Amino acid sequence: MGTGRGYVLDADSLIRSKNEHYANDICPGFWDALLRGFDTGQLCSVVPVRDEVLRGKDALAVWVKDNAPKAFFADVDTSAVVTAYAEVVDLVQQNGGYITAAKQRFLAGADPWLIAFAKTNELNIVTYEVPSPESRSQVKLPDVARNFRIQCVRHYAMLRRIGAKLVLE
């Protein structure tokens, strides 16, 4: 996966897709497209995202356990990713614009690992989150990713890029 070509999915992109536009009972093709995108080396997610999703104990957790290959969620314990993670943590901690609680919430989740993985592997991040650079109470994934020249994209862009077709039977 090279620059601008590959994608890594955040937890919210999977959770909201399940809850909204791409519920598995009405849009199984979306989930099939994710698996095909993984099989062709165009997309993945990371283990910390899997861990967040599995806490849900819902249809998405079942999909992860029963359908997504273990490798769909890449390990983040490589030296390169850990080094990039430290850079993300430092950037967030040094930002005086955020309140301490916002920094703590952000750093406790999967997003810093996602950014570190995307930076290390030159991937785009798929997310529903929108930038909010003036926010003090929430650290937003797109705002931090931008500092590392990582593009955040919506599902539609990713689906088009990987050649997905969600066709009614």
C-alpha atoms as a PDB file:
ATOM      1  CA  MET A   1       0.000   0.000   0.000  1.00  0.00           C
ATOM      2  CA  GLY A   2       1.637   3.210  -1.138  1.00  0.00           C
ATOM      3  CA  THR A   3       0.977   6.882  -0.561  1.00  0.00           C
ATOM      4  CA  GLY A   4      -2.576   7.851  -1.402  1.00  0.00           C
ATOM      5  CA  ARG A   5      -3.483   4.319  -2.379  1.00  0.00           C
ATOM      6  CA  GLY A   6      -4.045   2.384   0.804  1.00  0.00           C
ATOM      7  CA  TYR A   7      -6.490   2.883   3.632  1.00  0.00           C
ATOM      8  CA  VAL A   8      -6.677   2.147   7.319  1.00  0.00           C
ATOM      9  CA  LEU A   9     -10.095   2.251   9.014  1.00  0.00           C
ATOM     10  CA  ASP A  10     -10.771   3.825  12.394  1.00  0.00           C
ATOM     11  CA  ALA A  11     -13.145   2.287  14.934  1.00  0.00           C
ATOM     12  CA  ASP A  12     -15.879   4.856  14.370  1.00  0.00           C
ATOM     13  CA  SER A  13     -15.861   4.155  10.634  1.00  0.00           C
ATOM     14  CA  LEU A  14     -16.779   0.558  11.380  1.00  0.00           C
ATOM     15  CA  ILE A  15     -19.186   1.294  14.239  1.00  0.00           C
ATOM     16  CA  ARG A  16     -21.139   4.048  12.474  1.00  0.00           C
ATOM     17  CA  SER A  17     -21.215   2.046   9.255  1.00  0.00           C
ATOM     18  CA  LYS A  18     -22.815  -0.816  11.184  1.00  0.00           C
ATOM     19  CA  ASN A  19     -25.280   1.519  12.906  1.00  0.00           C
ATOM     20  CA  GLU A  20     -26.153   3.731   9.936  1.00  0.00           C
ATOM     21  CA  HIS A  21     -25.568   3.585   6.180  1.00  0.00           C
ATOM     22  CA  TYR A  22     -24.065   0.110   5.877  1.00  0.00           C
ATOM     23  CA  ALA A  23     -25.934  -2.027   8.409  1.00  0.00           C
ATOM     24  CA  ASN A  24     -25.084  -5.628   7.614  1.00  0.00           C
ATOM     25  CA  ASP A  25     -28.699  -6.722   7.288  1.00  0.00           C
ATOM     26  CA  ILE A  26     -29.357  -4.217   4.474  1.00  0.00           C
ATOM     27  CA  CYS A  27     -25.903  -3.676   2.992  1.00  0.00           C
ATOM     28  CA  PRO A  28     -23.806  -6.841   3.262  1.00  0.00           C
ATOM     29  CA  GLY A  29     -21.964  -5.776   0.110  1.00  0.00           C
ATOM     30  CA  PHE A  30     -20.171  -3.056   2.073  1.00  0.00           C
ATOM     31  CA  TRP A  31     -18.683  -5.622   4.437  1.00  0.00           C
ATOM     32  CA  ASP A  32     -17.789  -7.883   1.522  1.00  0.00           C
ATOM     33  CA  ALA A  33     -16.071  -4.898  -0.118  1.00  0.00           C
ATOM     34  CA  LEU A  34     -13.976  -4.351   3.013  1.00  0.00           C
ATOM     35  CA  LEU A  35     -12.844  -7.966   2.941  1.00  0.00           C
ATOM     36  CA  ARG A  36     -12.081  -7.765  -0.775  1.00  0.00           C
ATOM     37  CA  GLY A  37     -10.163  -4.528  -0.213  1.00  0.00           C
ATOM     38  CA  PHE A  38      -8.114  -6.289   2.442  1.00  0.00           C
ATOM     39  CA  ASP A  39      -7.531  -9.305   0.186  1.00  0.00           C
ATOM     40  CA  THR A  40      -6.202  -7.023  -2.553  1.00  0.00           C
ATOM     41  CA  GLY A  41      -3.923  -5.151  -0.141  1.00  0.00           C
ATOM     42  CA  GLN A  42      -5.835  -1.883  -0.354  1.00  0.00           C
ATOM     43  CA  LEU A  43      -7.147  -1.553   3.185  1.00  0.00           C
ATOM     44  CA  CYS A  44      -6.852  -2.760   6.734  1.00  0.00           C
ATOM     45  CA  SER A  45      -7.290  -1.618  10.296  1.00  0.00           C
ATOM     46  CA  VAL A  46      -5.197  -2.035  13.432  1.00  0.00           C
ATOM     47  CA  VAL A  47      -5.366  -4.223  16.538  1.00  0.00           C
ATOM     48  CA  PRO A  48      -6.329  -1.341  18.886  1.00  0.00           C
ATOM     49  CA  VAL A  49      -9.369  -0.695  16.646  1.00  0.00           C
ATOM     50  CA  ARG A  50     -10.281  -4.385  16.818  1.00  0.00           C
ATOM     51  CA  ASP A  51     -10.044  -4.229  20.598  1.00  0.00           C
ATOM     52  CA  GLU A  52     -12.421  -1.228  20.708  1.00  0.00           C
ATOM     53  CA  VAL A  53     -14.893  -2.937  18.379  1.00  0.00           C
ATOM     54  CA  LEU A  54     -14.886  -6.198  20.360  1.00  0.00           C
ATOM     55  CA  ARG A  55     -15.903  -4.342  23.508  1.00  0.00           C
ATOM     56  CA  GLY A  56     -19.249  -3.712  21.759  1.00  0.00           C
ATOM     57  CA  LYS A  57     -20.429  -7.345  21.841  1.00  0.00           C
ATOM     58  CA  ASP A  58     -22.800  -6.673  18.934  1.00  0.00           C
ATOM     59  CA  ALA A  59     -23.204  -7.561  15.243  1.00  0.00           C
ATOM     60  CA  LEU A  60     -19.965  -5.765  14.400  1.00  0.00           C
ATOM     61  CA  ALA A  61     -18.054  -7.757  17.015  1.00  0.00           C
ATOM     62  CA  VAL A  62     -19.530 -10.933  15.517  1.00  0.00           C
ATOM     63  CA  TRP A  63     -18.419  -9.820  12.024  1.00  0.00           C
ATOM     64  CA  VAL A  64     -14.904  -9.193  13.320  1.00  0.00           C
ATOM     65  CA  LYS A  65     -14.745 -12.597  15.033  1.00  0.00           C
ATOM     66  CA  ASP A  66     -16.450 -14.641  12.305  1.00  0.00           C
ATOM     67  CA  ASN A  67     -15.579 -12.894   9.024  1.00  0.00           C
ATOM     68  CA  ALA A  68     -12.583 -10.591   9.260  1.00  0.00           C
ATOM     69  CA  PRO A  69      -9.264 -12.419   8.973  1.00  0.00           C
ATOM     70  CA  LYS A  70      -7.016 -11.896  11.969  1.00  0.00           C
ATOM     71  CA  ALA A  71      -4.525 -10.073   9.724  1.00  0.00           C
ATOM     72  CA  PHE A  72      -7.231  -7.528   8.767  1.00  0.00           C
ATOM     73  CA  PHE A  73      -6.221  -5.831  12.015  1.00  0.00           C
ATOM     74  CA  ALA A  74      -2.508  -5.157  11.725  1.00  0.00           C
ATOM     75  CA  ASP A  75      -0.158  -5.296  14.683  1.00  0.00           C
ATOM     76  CA  VAL A  76       1.165  -1.964  15.898  1.00  0.00           C
ATOM     77  CA  ASP A  77       4.035  -3.298  17.956  1.00  0.00           C
ATOM     78  CA  THR A  78       6.744  -2.739  15.335  1.00  0.00           C
ATOM     79  CA  SER A  79       9.597  -0.402  16.224  1.00  0.00           C
ATOM     80  CA  ALA A  80       8.644   2.013  13.421  1.00  0.00           C
ATOM     81  CA  VAL A  81       5.018   2.276  14.572  1.00  0.00           C
ATOM     82  CA  VAL A  82       6.018   2.610  18.228  1.00  0.00           C
ATOM     83  CA  THR A  83       8.412   5.430  17.286  1.00  0.00           C
ATOM     84  CA  ALA A  84       5.655   7.176  15.304  1.00  0.00           C
ATOM     85  CA  TYR A  85       3.252   6.637  18.214  1.00  0.00           C
ATOM     86  CA  ALA A  86       5.673   8.465  20.516  1.00  0.00           C
ATOM     87  CA  GLU A  87       5.673  11.373  18.040  1.00  0.00           C
ATOM     88  CA  VAL A  88       1.848  11.463  18.081  1.00  0.00           C
ATOM     89  CA  VAL A  89       1.759  11.399  21.882  1.00  0.00           C
ATOM     90  CA  ASP A  90       4.348  14.177  22.079  1.00  0.00           C
ATOM     91  CA  LEU A  91       2.471  16.342  19.577  1.00  0.00           C
ATOM     92  CA  VAL A  92      -0.800  15.990  21.506  1.00  0.00           C
ATOM     93  CA  GLN A  93       0.792  16.473  24.914  1.00  0.00           C
ATOM     94  CA  GLN A  94       2.638  19.610  23.766  1.00  0.00           C
ATOM     95  CA  ASN A  95      -0.480  21.204  22.283  1.00  0.00           C
ATOM     96  CA  GLY A  96      -1.590  23.859  24.734  1.00  0.00           C
ATOM     97  CA  GLY A  97      -4.904  24.298  22.959  1.00  0.00           C
ATOM     98  CA  TYR A  98      -6.464  21.149  24.401  1.00  0.00           C
ATOM     99  CA  ILE A  99      -7.609  20.663  27.973  1.00  0.00           C
ATOM    100  CA  THR A 100      -5.876  17.855  29.856  1.00  0.00           C
ATOM    101  CA  ALA A 101      -8.965  15.617  29.911  1.00  0.00           C
ATOM    102  CA  ALA A 102      -9.259  15.845  26.102  1.00  0.00           C
ATOM    103  CA  LYS A 103      -5.636  14.800  25.692  1.00  0.00           C
ATOM    104  CA  GLN A 104      -6.090  11.895  28.085  1.00  0.00           C
ATOM    105  CA  ARG A 105      -9.229  10.641  26.307  1.00  0.00           C
ATOM    106  CA  PHE A 106      -7.557  10.814  22.902  1.00  0.00           C
ATOM    107  CA  LEU A 107      -4.346   9.138  24.018  1.00  0.00           C
ATOM    108  CA  ALA A 108      -6.241   6.328  25.781  1.00  0.00           C
ATOM    109  CA  GLY A 109      -7.949   5.212  22.559  1.00  0.00           C
ATOM    110  CA  ALA A 110      -6.939   3.613  19.278  1.00  0.00           C
ATOM    111  CA  ASP A 111      -6.562   6.870  17.302  1.00  0.00           C
ATOM    112  CA  PRO A 112      -2.916   7.595  18.212  1.00  0.00           C
ATOM    113  CA  TRP A 113      -1.983   4.069  17.129  1.00  0.00           C
ATOM    114  CA  LEU A 114      -4.010   4.483  13.952  1.00  0.00           C
ATOM    115  CA  ILE A 115      -2.171   7.699  13.094  1.00  0.00           C
ATOM    116  CA  ALA A 116       1.201   6.123  13.872  1.00  0.00           C
ATOM    117  CA  PHE A 117       0.392   3.134  11.666  1.00  0.00           C
ATOM    118  CA  ALA A 118      -0.863   5.349   8.835  1.00  0.00           C
ATOM    119  CA  LYS A 119       2.253   7.525   9.067  1.00  0.00           C
ATOM    120  CA  THR A 120       4.600   4.545   9.067  1.00  0.00           C
ATOM    121  CA  ASN A 121       2.847   2.836   6.148  1.00  0.00           C
ATOM    122  CA  GLU A 122       1.893   5.971   4.170  1.00  0.00           C
ATOM    123  CA  LEU A 123      -1.849   5.268   4.327  1.00  0.00           C
ATOM    124  CA  ASN A 124      -4.981   7.382   4.292  1.00  0.00           C
ATOM    125  CA  ILE A 125      -7.335   7.110   7.273  1.00  0.00           C
ATOM    126  CA  VAL A 126     -11.006   6.310   6.688  1.00  0.00           C
ATOM    127  CA  THR A 127     -13.148   8.131   9.241  1.00  0.00           C
ATOM    128  CA  TYR A 128     -16.427   9.930   9.740  1.00  0.00           C
ATOM    129  CA  GLU A 129     -14.710  12.438  12.042  1.00  0.00           C
ATOM    130  CA  VAL A 130     -14.407  15.987  10.810  1.00  0.00           C
ATOM    131  CA  PRO A 131     -11.700  18.453  11.750  1.00  0.00           C
ATOM    132  CA  SER A 132     -12.343  20.862  14.584  1.00  0.00           C
ATOM    133  CA  PRO A 133      -9.101  22.785  15.007  1.00  0.00           C
ATOM    134  CA  GLU A 134     -10.646  25.279  17.422  1.00  0.00           C
ATOM    135  CA  SER A 135     -11.852  22.576  19.827  1.00  0.00           C
ATOM    136  CA  ARG A 136     -10.321  22.569  23.274  1.00  0.00           C
ATOM    137  CA  SER A 137     -12.470  19.810  24.750  1.00  0.00           C
ATOM    138  CA  GLN A 138     -11.913  17.154  22.067  1.00  0.00           C
ATOM    139  CA  VAL A 139      -8.804  16.097  20.188  1.00  0.00           C
ATOM    140  CA  LYS A 140     -10.007  15.160  16.702  1.00  0.00           C
ATOM    141  CA  LEU A 141      -8.325  12.481  14.623  1.00  0.00           C
ATOM    142  CA  PRO A 142      -8.204  14.585  11.406  1.00  0.00           C
ATOM    143  CA  ASP A 143      -6.574  17.494  13.236  1.00  0.00           C
ATOM    144  CA  VAL A 144      -3.740  15.351  14.590  1.00  0.00           C
ATOM    145  CA  ALA A 145      -3.374  13.372  11.344  1.00  0.00           C
ATOM    146  CA  ARG A 146      -2.968  16.590   9.358  1.00  0.00           C
ATOM    147  CA  ASN A 147       0.175  17.373  11.368  1.00  0.00           C
ATOM    148  CA  PHE A 148       1.711  14.191   9.954  1.00  0.00           C
ATOM    149  CA  ARG A 149       0.491  14.855   6.400  1.00  0.00           C
ATOM    150  CA  ILE A 150      -1.995  12.002   6.612  1.00  0.00           C
ATOM    151  CA  GLN A 151      -5.179  12.444   4.632  1.00  0.00           C
ATOM    152  CA  CYS A 152      -8.494  11.508   6.249  1.00  0.00           C
ATOM    153  CA  VAL A 153     -11.171  10.412   3.797  1.00  0.00           C
ATOM    154  CA  ARG A 154     -14.803   9.336   3.853  1.00  0.00           C
ATOM    155  CA  HIS A 155     -16.021   5.876   2.998  1.00  0.00           C
ATOM    156  CA  TYR A 156     -17.286   6.932  -0.413  1.00  0.00           C
ATOM    157  CA  ALA A 157     -13.798   7.962  -1.538  1.00  0.00           C
ATOM    158  CA  MET A 158     -12.310   4.726  -0.244  1.00  0.00           C
ATOM    159  CA  LEU A 159     -15.035   2.583  -1.845  1.00  0.00           C
ATOM    160  CA  ARG A 160     -14.519   4.270  -5.218  1.00  0.00           C
ATOM    161  CA  ARG A 161     -10.758   3.921  -5.007  1.00  0.00           C
ATOM    162  CA  ILE A 162     -10.882   0.203  -4.211  1.00  0.00           C
ATOM    163  CA  GLY A 163     -13.412  -0.368  -7.004  1.00  0.00           C
ATOM    164  CA  ALA A 164     -16.299  -1.484  -4.798  1.00  0.00           C
ATOM    165  CA  LYS A 165     -19.766  -1.828  -6.313  1.00  0.00           C
ATOM    166  CA  LEU A 166     -22.654  -2.223  -3.910  1.00  0.00           C
ATOM    167  CA  VAL A 167     -25.223  -3.776  -6.209  1.00  0.00           C
ATOM    168  CA  LEU A 168     -28.729  -4.825  -5.250  1.00  0.00           C
ATOM    169  CA  GLU A 169     -29.412  -8.480  -6.086  1.00  0.00           C
END
